[in-house]
Amino acid sequence: MIAPHFLRQQLIGLALSEAQNAMPTEIIDKIEIGNGVIWVWAGNKRVTLIYFWNGSGEQLGGGNWSVRIGTLEQIRLTLTGRLRTLLGRA
């Protein structure tokens, strides 16, 4: 059985990998995890990832994470967001 913090680490790593595949030329600025959904921001783009646990009934703690791309959208940045983008990439 894997400790919960290692499971969370696996999920975040998989999510970052999927987000980078969806936005290969962008620098990831922020990641937010909700119940079954992960949002990843990169500049003025946001990818929504859907995640779930593929559990195995045979062994306690057995299974793995699945993450798939839900949506990729262009979002309108606020003034603060624009400044962060400009200063962070300058």
Protein backbone atom coordinates (compact mmCIF):
# COMPACT_ATOMS: atom_id res chain seq x y z
CA MET A 1 0.00 0.00 0.00
CA ILE A 2 1.31 3.45 -0.95
CA ALA A 3 1.14 6.34 1.51
CA PRO A 4 -1.43 9.04 0.57
CA HIS A 5 1.17 11.77 0.08
CA PHE A 6 2.96 9.60 -2.49
CA LEU A 7 -0.33 8.99 -4.30
CA ARG A 8 -0.89 12.76 -4.45
CA GLN A 9 2.66 13.23 -5.74
CA GLN A 10 1.98 10.69 -8.52
CA LEU A 11 -1.23 12.50 -9.46
CA ILE A 12 0.45 15.92 -9.64
CA GLY A 13 3.32 14.54 -11.74
CA LEU A 14 0.94 12.90 -14.18
CA ALA A 15 -1.19 16.06 -14.39
CA LEU A 16 1.82 18.26 -15.11
CA SER A 17 2.96 15.87 -17.82
CA GLU A 18 -0.48 15.88 -19.50
CA ALA A 19 -0.74 19.68 -19.24
CA GLN A 20 2.69 20.11 -20.80
CA ASN A 21 1.65 17.82 -23.66
CA ALA A 22 -1.44 20.00 -24.21
CA MET A 23 0.57 23.27 -24.08
CA PRO A 24 4.11 22.30 -25.17
CA THR A 25 5.45 25.83 -25.70
CA GLU A 26 3.98 27.37 -22.55
CA ILE A 27 5.43 27.76 -19.05
CA ILE A 28 3.10 26.47 -16.35
CA ASP A 29 2.23 29.21 -13.85
CA LYS A 30 -0.31 27.62 -11.55
CA ILE A 31 -1.95 24.30 -10.72
CA GLU A 32 -5.15 23.86 -8.73
CA ILE A 33 -6.67 20.54 -7.68
CA GLY A 34 -10.39 20.06 -7.12
CA ASN A 35 -12.58 17.01 -6.66
CA GLY A 36 -11.95 15.03 -9.86
CA VAL A 37 -10.64 18.09 -11.74
CA ILE A 38 -7.25 19.75 -12.06
CA TRP A 39 -6.81 23.21 -13.58
CA VAL A 40 -3.42 24.22 -14.96
CA TRP A 41 -2.68 27.78 -16.07
CA ALA A 42 0.07 28.90 -18.43
CA GLY A 43 -0.04 32.57 -19.35
CA ASN A 44 -3.48 33.19 -20.81
CA LYS A 45 -4.25 29.50 -21.40
CA ARG A 46 -5.94 27.09 -19.05
CA VAL A 47 -6.22 23.34 -19.44
CA THR A 48 -8.80 21.41 -17.46
CA LEU A 49 -7.80 17.85 -16.64
CA ILE A 50 -10.15 15.13 -15.43
CA TYR A 51 -8.67 12.57 -13.05
CA PHE A 52 -9.84 9.39 -11.38
CA TRP A 53 -8.42 6.40 -9.55
CA ASN A 54 -8.35 3.03 -11.30
CA GLY A 55 -8.64 0.94 -8.18
CA SER A 56 -8.03 -2.75 -8.00
CA GLY A 57 -10.44 -4.72 -5.84
CA GLU A 58 -7.94 -7.52 -5.35
CA GLN A 59 -5.39 -5.65 -3.27
CA LEU A 60 -5.88 -2.82 -0.79
CA GLY A 61 -4.23 0.28 -2.23
CA GLY A 62 -3.73 -1.31 -5.64
CA GLY A 63 -4.45 0.76 -8.72
CA ASN A 64 -3.24 3.89 -10.49
CA TRP A 65 -4.31 7.37 -11.56
CA SER A 66 -5.82 8.21 -14.91
CA VAL A 67 -5.69 11.78 -16.17
CA ARG A 68 -7.20 13.00 -19.43
CA ILE A 69 -7.50 16.43 -21.00
CA GLY A 70 -10.95 17.94 -20.60
CA THR A 71 -10.67 21.38 -22.20
CA LEU A 72 -7.98 23.77 -23.36
CA GLU A 73 -9.09 27.37 -23.41
CA GLN A 74 -7.76 30.86 -23.92
CA ILE A 75 -8.70 33.07 -20.98
CA ARG A 76 -8.74 36.82 -20.58
CA LEU A 77 -6.07 37.96 -18.16
CA THR A 78 -6.67 40.60 -15.53
CA LEU A 79 -4.20 43.44 -15.13
CA THR A 80 -2.49 41.52 -12.32
CA GLY A 81 -2.28 38.41 -14.49
CA ARG A 82 -0.77 40.36 -17.38
CA LEU A 83 1.84 41.90 -15.09
CA ARG A 84 2.77 38.51 -13.65
CA THR A 85 3.12 37.09 -17.15
CA LEU A 86 5.29 39.98 -18.34
CA LEU A 87 7.49 40.10 -15.25
CA GLY A 88 7.79 36.33 -14.94
CA ARG A 89 8.95 35.84 -18.51
CA ALA A 90 11.08 38.98 -18.90
